[in-house]
Amino acid sequence: MMHYTGNLFKDSVCLEMGSGWVLSHAVVAYLLGAKKIYASDYFPLADFAALKISISKSDAALIRDILAPYEDHEILREKVEQLRAISRWNSEELEHIGITYTAPVDFVREMPFDDVDFIYSLSVLEHIPCDSVTALLRQLSGIPTQFHFIHLEDHADLANEPFEFLTFSHYPKQLQLERGNRIRASQWIELLSKYHTVEVVHAWKRNMPIPDSLASEIEFVDEDDIRTSHLGLLLRQ
């Protein structure tokens, strides 16, 4: 994301949807100068022992070198050393460095944070059931800057037939949660454009066979739209 956009975390109040077990993106936001970070999950997933291992066993010099184009090297050095000096990770330690972990939270139903400048998600939006997407985007619409990575393939069969799930005529909510909601790139852009100016930062396509016939509910523009496997979208108001 930062290769394309620069440091969107700097001086922002950031929200990550879907932080997962290790909270690594929230820690990077802290290193890059975010004022405050809200890390969130639909289910409680954060594993503080995993966070401790990831920080203690990481290569501090590599972290500094990778992030140095986006933040002062000495600031990074100081912050990384402070992180590595923490002996016991818990929610209080996260709060001390400006990270608030909240789970469970359902953004389809509520936006519990009213001071967010920037929201970030990685492989989250494709797991929202189709009948909840509009409500979710409406809840997020007041956040001025957003970046979403959306993975458009079948999460259950990425290696062999990543687009075969587009043929299923029966595709209930549980499959949408587990394998992806099947919304194609053009639809995502149209839905998000109702609330923000949308810039397609990348749209990667998979050179794999696509099915001859698709389920009737699949909406698409052309073959490239079907083949688009990964979408990076920068949203601004």
C-alpha atoms as a PDB file:
ATOM      1  CA  MET A   1       0.000   0.000   0.000  1.00  0.00           C
ATOM      2  CA  MET A   2       2.688   2.481   0.988  1.00  0.00           C
ATOM      3  CA  HIS A   3       4.655   1.873  -2.208  1.00  0.00           C
ATOM      4  CA  TYR A   4       1.622   3.245  -4.035  1.00  0.00           C
ATOM      5  CA  THR A   5       0.337   5.868  -1.628  1.00  0.00           C
ATOM      6  CA  GLY A   6       3.025   6.880   0.864  1.00  0.00           C
ATOM      7  CA  ASN A   7       2.481   6.837   4.622  1.00  0.00           C
ATOM      8  CA  LEU A   8      -1.254   7.150   5.222  1.00  0.00           C
ATOM      9  CA  PHE A   9      -0.803   6.231   8.895  1.00  0.00           C
ATOM     10  CA  LYS A  10       1.245   9.317   9.843  1.00  0.00           C
ATOM     11  CA  ASP A  11      -0.628  11.618  12.262  1.00  0.00           C
ATOM     12  CA  SER A  12      -3.888   9.743  11.622  1.00  0.00           C
ATOM     13  CA  VAL A  13      -6.368   8.039  13.883  1.00  0.00           C
ATOM     14  CA  CYS A  14      -6.410   4.638  12.210  1.00  0.00           C
ATOM     15  CA  LEU A  15      -8.862   1.766  12.225  1.00  0.00           C
ATOM     16  CA  GLU A  16      -7.934  -1.699  11.019  1.00  0.00           C
ATOM     17  CA  MET A  17     -10.825  -4.008  10.216  1.00  0.00           C
ATOM     18  CA  GLY A  18      -9.781  -7.595  10.764  1.00  0.00           C
ATOM     19  CA  SER A  19      -6.561  -7.402  12.768  1.00  0.00           C
ATOM     20  CA  GLY A  20      -6.153 -11.142  13.309  1.00  0.00           C
ATOM     21  CA  TRP A  21      -3.908 -13.024  15.709  1.00  0.00           C
ATOM     22  CA  VAL A  22      -0.644 -11.078  15.698  1.00  0.00           C
ATOM     23  CA  LEU A  23      -1.774  -7.421  15.332  1.00  0.00           C
ATOM     24  CA  SER A  24       1.263  -6.777  13.132  1.00  0.00           C
ATOM     25  CA  HIS A  25      -0.403  -4.080  11.012  1.00  0.00           C
ATOM     26  CA  ALA A  26      -1.457  -2.160  14.118  1.00  0.00           C
ATOM     27  CA  VAL A  27       2.141  -2.253  15.347  1.00  0.00           C
ATOM     28  CA  VAL A  28       3.374  -0.970  11.977  1.00  0.00           C
ATOM     29  CA  ALA A  29       0.847   1.885  12.193  1.00  0.00           C
ATOM     30  CA  TYR A  30       2.334   2.767  15.590  1.00  0.00           C
ATOM     31  CA  LEU A  31       5.879   2.676  14.189  1.00  0.00           C
ATOM     32  CA  LEU A  32       4.854   4.945  11.318  1.00  0.00           C
ATOM     33  CA  GLY A  33       3.469   7.682  13.528  1.00  0.00           C
ATOM     34  CA  ALA A  34      -0.264   7.050  13.844  1.00  0.00           C
ATOM     35  CA  LYS A  35      -1.828   9.184  16.583  1.00  0.00           C
ATOM     36  CA  LYS A  36      -4.108   6.354  17.667  1.00  0.00           C
ATOM     37  CA  ILE A  37      -4.891   2.881  16.341  1.00  0.00           C
ATOM     38  CA  TYR A  38      -8.096   0.929  16.711  1.00  0.00           C
ATOM     39  CA  ALA A  39      -7.504  -2.745  15.937  1.00  0.00           C
ATOM     40  CA  SER A  40     -10.689  -4.757  15.553  1.00  0.00           C
ATOM     41  CA  ASP A  41     -12.081  -8.198  14.777  1.00  0.00           C
ATOM     42  CA  TYR A  42     -15.517  -9.703  14.248  1.00  0.00           C
ATOM     43  CA  PHE A  43     -14.426 -12.496  16.598  1.00  0.00           C
ATOM     44  CA  PRO A  44     -11.799 -12.078  19.369  1.00  0.00           C
ATOM     45  CA  LEU A  45      -8.599 -13.385  17.794  1.00  0.00           C
ATOM     46  CA  ALA A  46      -5.667 -11.411  19.224  1.00  0.00           C
ATOM     47  CA  ASP A  47      -2.955 -13.661  20.651  1.00  0.00           C
ATOM     48  CA  PHE A  48      -0.597 -11.599  22.803  1.00  0.00           C
ATOM     49  CA  ALA A  49       1.864 -14.501  23.081  1.00  0.00           C
ATOM     50  CA  ALA A  50       2.107 -14.558  19.283  1.00  0.00           C
ATOM     51  CA  LEU A  51       2.690 -10.798  19.256  1.00  0.00           C
ATOM     52  CA  LYS A  52       5.505 -11.156  21.767  1.00  0.00           C
ATOM     53  CA  ILE A  53       7.161 -13.894  19.695  1.00  0.00           C
ATOM     54  CA  SER A  54       6.828 -11.950  16.441  1.00  0.00           C
ATOM     55  CA  ILE A  55       8.467  -8.856  17.930  1.00  0.00           C
ATOM     56  CA  SER A  56      11.165 -10.593  19.958  1.00  0.00           C
ATOM     57  CA  LYS A  57      12.241 -12.843  17.096  1.00  0.00           C
ATOM     58  CA  SER A  58      11.999 -10.245  14.329  1.00  0.00           C
ATOM     59  CA  ASP A  59      15.045  -8.626  12.718  1.00  0.00           C
ATOM     60  CA  ALA A  60      15.010  -5.089  14.120  1.00  0.00           C
ATOM     61  CA  ALA A  61      17.359  -3.775  11.431  1.00  0.00           C
ATOM     62  CA  LEU A  62      15.160  -5.178   8.686  1.00  0.00           C
ATOM     63  CA  ILE A  63      12.070  -3.511  10.156  1.00  0.00           C
ATOM     64  CA  ARG A  64      13.861  -0.167  10.284  1.00  0.00           C
ATOM     65  CA  ASP A  65      15.221  -0.462   6.761  1.00  0.00           C
ATOM     66  CA  ILE A  66      11.881  -1.424   5.217  1.00  0.00           C
ATOM     67  CA  LEU A  67       9.986   1.378   6.971  1.00  0.00           C
ATOM     68  CA  ALA A  68      12.710   4.046   6.713  1.00  0.00           C
ATOM     69  CA  PRO A  69      11.314   5.566   3.460  1.00  0.00           C
ATOM     70  CA  TYR A  70       8.162   6.463   5.400  1.00  0.00           C
ATOM     71  CA  GLU A  71       9.461   7.561   8.822  1.00  0.00           C
ATOM     72  CA  ASP A  72      12.637   8.958  10.378  1.00  0.00           C
ATOM     73  CA  HIS A  73      15.146   6.141  10.896  1.00  0.00           C
ATOM     74  CA  GLU A  74      16.071   7.194  14.435  1.00  0.00           C
ATOM     75  CA  ILE A  75      12.431   7.377  15.473  1.00  0.00           C
ATOM     76  CA  LEU A  76      11.958   3.861  14.132  1.00  0.00           C
ATOM     77  CA  ARG A  77      15.046   2.642  15.982  1.00  0.00           C
ATOM     78  CA  GLU A  78      13.799   4.055  19.271  1.00  0.00           C
ATOM     79  CA  LYS A  79      10.284   2.678  18.880  1.00  0.00           C
ATOM     80  CA  VAL A  80      11.421  -0.791  17.841  1.00  0.00           C
ATOM     81  CA  GLU A  81      13.761  -0.973  20.841  1.00  0.00           C
ATOM     82  CA  GLN A  82      10.904   0.070  23.122  1.00  0.00           C
ATOM     83  CA  LEU A  83       8.691  -2.651  21.695  1.00  0.00           C
ATOM     84  CA  ARG A  84      11.374  -5.302  22.113  1.00  0.00           C
ATOM     85  CA  ALA A  85      11.871  -4.258  25.746  1.00  0.00           C
ATOM     86  CA  ILE A  86       8.271  -5.113  26.664  1.00  0.00           C
ATOM     87  CA  SER A  87       8.370  -8.407  28.545  1.00  0.00           C
ATOM     88  CA  ARG A  88       4.642  -9.100  28.906  1.00  0.00           C
ATOM     89  CA  TRP A  89       2.184  -8.152  26.179  1.00  0.00           C
ATOM     90  CA  ASN A  90      -1.448  -7.549  27.109  1.00  0.00           C
ATOM     91  CA  SER A  91      -4.219  -5.080  26.330  1.00  0.00           C
ATOM     92  CA  GLU A  92      -2.787  -2.539  28.814  1.00  0.00           C
ATOM     93  CA  GLU A  93       0.582  -2.526  27.031  1.00  0.00           C
ATOM     94  CA  LEU A  94      -1.190  -2.036  23.711  1.00  0.00           C
ATOM     95  CA  GLU A  95      -3.107   0.919  25.147  1.00  0.00           C
ATOM     96  CA  HIS A  96       0.176   2.378  26.406  1.00  0.00           C
ATOM     97  CA  ILE A  97       1.485   2.643  22.836  1.00  0.00           C
ATOM     98  CA  GLY A  98      -1.837   3.883  21.475  1.00  0.00           C
ATOM     99  CA  ILE A  99      -3.427   0.645  20.203  1.00  0.00           C
ATOM    100  CA  THR A 100      -6.947  -0.217  21.346  1.00  0.00           C
ATOM    101  CA  TYR A 101      -8.044  -3.758  20.517  1.00  0.00           C
ATOM    102  CA  THR A 102     -11.802  -4.230  20.225  1.00  0.00           C
ATOM    103  CA  ALA A 103     -13.529  -7.546  19.579  1.00  0.00           C
ATOM    104  CA  PRO A 104     -16.136  -8.620  18.864  1.00  0.00           C
ATOM    105  CA  VAL A 105     -17.326  -5.705  16.760  1.00  0.00           C
ATOM    106  CA  ASP A 106     -19.791  -5.869  13.876  1.00  0.00           C
ATOM    107  CA  PHE A 107     -19.357  -2.875  11.577  1.00  0.00           C
ATOM    108  CA  VAL A 108     -22.501  -3.844   9.684  1.00  0.00           C
ATOM    109  CA  ARG A 109     -24.466  -2.828  12.776  1.00  0.00           C
ATOM    110  CA  GLU A 110     -22.386  -0.057  14.324  1.00  0.00           C
ATOM    111  CA  MET A 111     -19.371   2.218  14.059  1.00  0.00           C
ATOM    112  CA  PRO A 112     -18.162   2.417  17.661  1.00  0.00           C
ATOM    113  CA  PHE A 113     -15.372   4.924  16.929  1.00  0.00           C
ATOM    114  CA  ASP A 114     -16.172   8.526  16.047  1.00  0.00           C
ATOM    115  CA  ASP A 115     -12.683  10.005  15.534  1.00  0.00           C
ATOM    116  CA  VAL A 116     -11.205   7.813  12.774  1.00  0.00           C
ATOM    117  CA  ASP A 117      -9.307   9.477   9.882  1.00  0.00           C
ATOM    118  CA  PHE A 118      -8.108   6.384   8.025  1.00  0.00           C
ATOM    119  CA  ILE A 119      -9.405   2.847   7.737  1.00  0.00           C
ATOM    120  CA  TYR A 120      -7.473  -0.117   6.389  1.00  0.00           C
ATOM    121  CA  SER A 121      -8.491  -3.684   5.599  1.00  0.00           C
ATOM    122  CA  LEU A 122      -6.694  -6.674   4.120  1.00  0.00           C
ATOM    123  CA  SER A 123      -8.791  -9.525   2.737  1.00  0.00           C
ATOM    124  CA  VAL A 124     -11.853  -8.613   4.796  1.00  0.00           C
ATOM    125  CA  LEU A 125     -14.519  -7.095   2.541  1.00  0.00           C
ATOM    126  CA  GLU A 126     -14.854 -10.216   0.413  1.00  0.00           C
ATOM    127  CA  HIS A 127     -16.046 -12.129   3.505  1.00  0.00           C
ATOM    128  CA  ILE A 128     -19.022  -9.818   4.116  1.00  0.00           C
ATOM    129  CA  PRO A 129     -22.265 -11.521   2.976  1.00  0.00           C
ATOM    130  CA  CYS A 130     -23.776  -9.798  -0.047  1.00  0.00           C
ATOM    131  CA  ASP A 131     -26.927  -8.723   1.779  1.00  0.00           C
ATOM    132  CA  SER A 132     -24.805  -6.906   4.404  1.00  0.00           C
ATOM    133  CA  VAL A 133     -22.357  -5.077   2.137  1.00  0.00           C
ATOM    134  CA  THR A 134     -24.470  -1.944   1.616  1.00  0.00           C
ATOM    135  CA  ALA A 135     -25.060  -1.551   5.359  1.00  0.00           C
ATOM    136  CA  LEU A 136     -21.334  -1.980   6.058  1.00  0.00           C
ATOM    137  CA  LEU A 137     -20.249   0.602   3.491  1.00  0.00           C
ATOM    138  CA  ARG A 138     -22.802   3.035   4.846  1.00  0.00           C
ATOM    139  CA  GLN A 139     -21.312   2.631   8.343  1.00  0.00           C
ATOM    140  CA  LEU A 140     -17.819   3.294   6.953  1.00  0.00           C
ATOM    141  CA  SER A 141     -18.856   6.180   4.701  1.00  0.00           C
ATOM    142  CA  GLY A 142     -17.952   8.935   7.164  1.00  0.00           C
ATOM    143  CA  ILE A 143     -14.275   7.954   7.329  1.00  0.00           C
ATOM    144  CA  PRO A 144     -12.481  10.272   4.882  1.00  0.00           C
ATOM    145  CA  THR A 145      -9.549   8.092   3.770  1.00  0.00           C
ATOM    146  CA  GLN A 146      -9.640   4.330   3.297  1.00  0.00           C
ATOM    147  CA  PHE A 147      -7.552   1.611   1.718  1.00  0.00           C
ATOM    148  CA  HIS A 148      -8.997  -1.827   1.083  1.00  0.00           C
ATOM    149  CA  PHE A 149      -7.255  -4.896  -0.294  1.00  0.00           C
ATOM    150  CA  ILE A 150      -9.965  -7.228  -1.600  1.00  0.00           C
ATOM    151  CA  HIS A 151      -9.225 -10.820  -2.620  1.00  0.00           C
ATOM    152  CA  LEU A 152     -11.738 -11.916  -5.248  1.00  0.00           C
ATOM    153  CA  GLU A 153     -10.919 -15.620  -5.598  1.00  0.00           C
ATOM    154  CA  ASP A 154     -12.377 -18.699  -3.922  1.00  0.00           C
ATOM    155  CA  HIS A 155     -10.584 -18.893  -0.580  1.00  0.00           C
ATOM    156  CA  ALA A 156     -11.203 -22.632  -0.436  1.00  0.00           C
ATOM    157  CA  ASP A 157      -9.542 -23.465  -3.763  1.00  0.00           C
ATOM    158  CA  LEU A 158      -6.900 -20.865  -4.611  1.00  0.00           C
ATOM    159  CA  ALA A 159      -4.483 -23.267  -6.298  1.00  0.00           C
ATOM    160  CA  ASN A 160      -6.641 -25.233  -8.711  1.00  0.00           C
ATOM    161  CA  GLU A 161      -9.934 -23.566  -9.642  1.00  0.00           C
ATOM    162  CA  PRO A 162     -10.079 -20.134  -8.003  1.00  0.00           C
ATOM    163  CA  PHE A 163     -13.081 -19.013 -10.088  1.00  0.00           C
ATOM    164  CA  GLU A 164     -15.152 -22.187 -10.119  1.00  0.00           C
ATOM    165  CA  PHE A 165     -17.227 -20.952  -7.180  1.00  0.00           C
ATOM    166  CA  LEU A 166     -18.734 -18.371  -9.543  1.00  0.00           C
ATOM    167  CA  THR A 167     -20.769 -21.211 -11.096  1.00  0.00           C
ATOM    168  CA  PHE A 168     -22.547 -22.308  -7.901  1.00  0.00           C
ATOM    169  CA  SER A 169     -26.282 -21.617  -8.174  1.00  0.00           C
ATOM    170  CA  HIS A 170     -26.769 -22.274  -4.449  1.00  0.00           C
ATOM    171  CA  TYR A 171     -24.376 -20.114  -2.465  1.00  0.00           C
ATOM    172  CA  PRO A 172     -25.667 -19.493   1.081  1.00  0.00           C
ATOM    173  CA  LYS A 173     -24.356 -16.999   3.607  1.00  0.00           C
ATOM    174  CA  GLN A 174     -22.033 -19.484   5.299  1.00  0.00           C
ATOM    175  CA  LEU A 175     -20.184 -20.112   2.033  1.00  0.00           C
ATOM    176  CA  GLN A 176     -19.940 -16.355   1.471  1.00  0.00           C
ATOM    177  CA  LEU A 177     -18.317 -15.975   4.891  1.00  0.00           C
ATOM    178  CA  GLU A 178     -15.873 -18.814   4.334  1.00  0.00           C
ATOM    179  CA  ARG A 179     -15.059 -18.713   0.623  1.00  0.00           C
ATOM    180  CA  GLY A 180     -15.858 -15.124  -0.413  1.00  0.00           C
ATOM    181  CA  ASN A 181     -18.987 -13.255  -1.429  1.00  0.00           C
ATOM    182  CA  ARG A 182     -18.142 -13.430  -5.196  1.00  0.00           C
ATOM    183  CA  ILE A 183     -18.622  -9.684  -5.772  1.00  0.00           C
ATOM    184  CA  ARG A 184     -16.464  -8.743  -8.751  1.00  0.00           C
ATOM    185  CA  ALA A 185     -14.102  -5.770  -9.093  1.00  0.00           C
ATOM    186  CA  SER A 186     -16.462  -3.557 -11.119  1.00  0.00           C
ATOM    187  CA  GLN A 187     -19.194  -4.005  -8.517  1.00  0.00           C
ATOM    188  CA  TRP A 188     -16.883  -3.055  -5.652  1.00  0.00           C
ATOM    189  CA  ILE A 189     -15.852   0.113  -7.455  1.00  0.00           C
ATOM    190  CA  GLU A 190     -19.473   1.014  -8.172  1.00  0.00           C
ATOM    191  CA  LEU A 191     -20.570   0.374  -4.568  1.00  0.00           C
ATOM    192  CA  LEU A 192     -17.712   2.334  -3.004  1.00  0.00           C
ATOM    193  CA  SER A 193     -18.050   5.220  -5.470  1.00  0.00           C
ATOM    194  CA  LYS A 194     -21.399   6.109  -3.882  1.00  0.00           C
ATOM    195  CA  TYR A 195     -19.529   7.458  -0.864  1.00  0.00           C
ATOM    196  CA  HIS A 196     -15.957   8.276  -1.954  1.00  0.00           C
ATOM    197  CA  THR A 197     -13.749   9.053  -4.890  1.00  0.00           C
ATOM    198  CA  VAL A 198     -12.204   5.684  -5.724  1.00  0.00           C
ATOM    199  CA  GLU A 199      -8.725   5.178  -7.158  1.00  0.00           C
ATOM    200  CA  VAL A 200      -7.835   1.689  -8.363  1.00  0.00           C
ATOM    201  CA  VAL A 201      -4.297   1.330  -7.071  1.00  0.00           C
ATOM    202  CA  HIS A 202      -3.933  -2.168  -8.443  1.00  0.00           C
ATOM    203  CA  ALA A 203      -6.110  -4.796 -10.093  1.00  0.00           C
ATOM    204  CA  TRP A 204      -4.195  -8.035 -10.495  1.00  0.00           C
ATOM    205  CA  LYS A 205      -5.535 -10.732 -12.773  1.00  0.00           C
ATOM    206  CA  ARG A 206      -5.086 -14.497 -12.634  1.00  0.00           C
ATOM    207  CA  ASN A 207      -4.185 -16.272 -15.876  1.00  0.00           C
ATOM    208  CA  MET A 208      -6.316 -19.312 -15.119  1.00  0.00           C
ATOM    209  CA  PRO A 209      -9.193 -20.956 -16.983  1.00  0.00           C
ATOM    210  CA  ILE A 210     -12.533 -19.385 -16.168  1.00  0.00           C
ATOM    211  CA  PRO A 211     -15.844 -21.255 -16.180  1.00  0.00           C
ATOM    212  CA  ASP A 212     -17.921 -21.364 -19.354  1.00  0.00           C
ATOM    213  CA  SER A 213     -21.095 -20.336 -17.550  1.00  0.00           C
ATOM    214  CA  LEU A 214     -21.604 -18.386 -14.343  1.00  0.00           C
ATOM    215  CA  ALA A 215     -24.394 -18.314 -11.802  1.00  0.00           C
ATOM    216  CA  SER A 216     -27.140 -15.880 -12.770  1.00  0.00           C
ATOM    217  CA  GLU A 217     -26.503 -13.573  -9.791  1.00  0.00           C
ATOM    218  CA  ILE A 218     -22.855 -12.908 -10.738  1.00  0.00           C
ATOM    219  CA  GLU A 219     -22.567  -9.375 -12.146  1.00  0.00           C
ATOM    220  CA  PHE A 220     -19.543  -8.532 -14.287  1.00  0.00           C
ATOM    221  CA  VAL A 221     -18.438  -6.295 -17.144  1.00  0.00           C
ATOM    222  CA  ASP A 222     -16.095  -8.500 -19.164  1.00  0.00           C
ATOM    223  CA  GLU A 223     -13.614 -11.348 -18.901  1.00  0.00           C
ATOM    224  CA  ASP A 224     -11.016  -9.145 -17.211  1.00  0.00           C
ATOM    225  CA  ASP A 225     -13.580  -8.341 -14.551  1.00  0.00           C
ATOM    226  CA  ILE A 226     -14.046 -12.056 -13.881  1.00  0.00           C
ATOM    227  CA  ARG A 227     -10.296 -12.722 -13.852  1.00  0.00           C
ATOM    228  CA  THR A 228      -9.438  -9.910 -11.445  1.00  0.00           C
ATOM    229  CA  SER A 229      -8.144 -11.709  -8.374  1.00  0.00           C
ATOM    230  CA  HIS A 230      -6.793  -8.917  -6.146  1.00  0.00           C
ATOM    231  CA  LEU A 231      -8.022  -5.350  -5.894  1.00  0.00           C
ATOM    232  CA  GLY A 232      -6.398  -2.438  -4.075  1.00  0.00           C
ATOM    233  CA  LEU A 233      -8.656   0.590  -3.683  1.00  0.00           C
ATOM    234  CA  LEU A 234      -7.786   4.010  -2.261  1.00  0.00           C
ATOM    235  CA  LEU A 235     -10.846   5.992  -1.182  1.00  0.00           C
ATOM    236  CA  ARG A 236     -10.937   9.708  -0.457  1.00  0.00           C
ATOM    237  CA  GLN A 237     -13.761  12.113   0.256  1.00  0.00           C
END
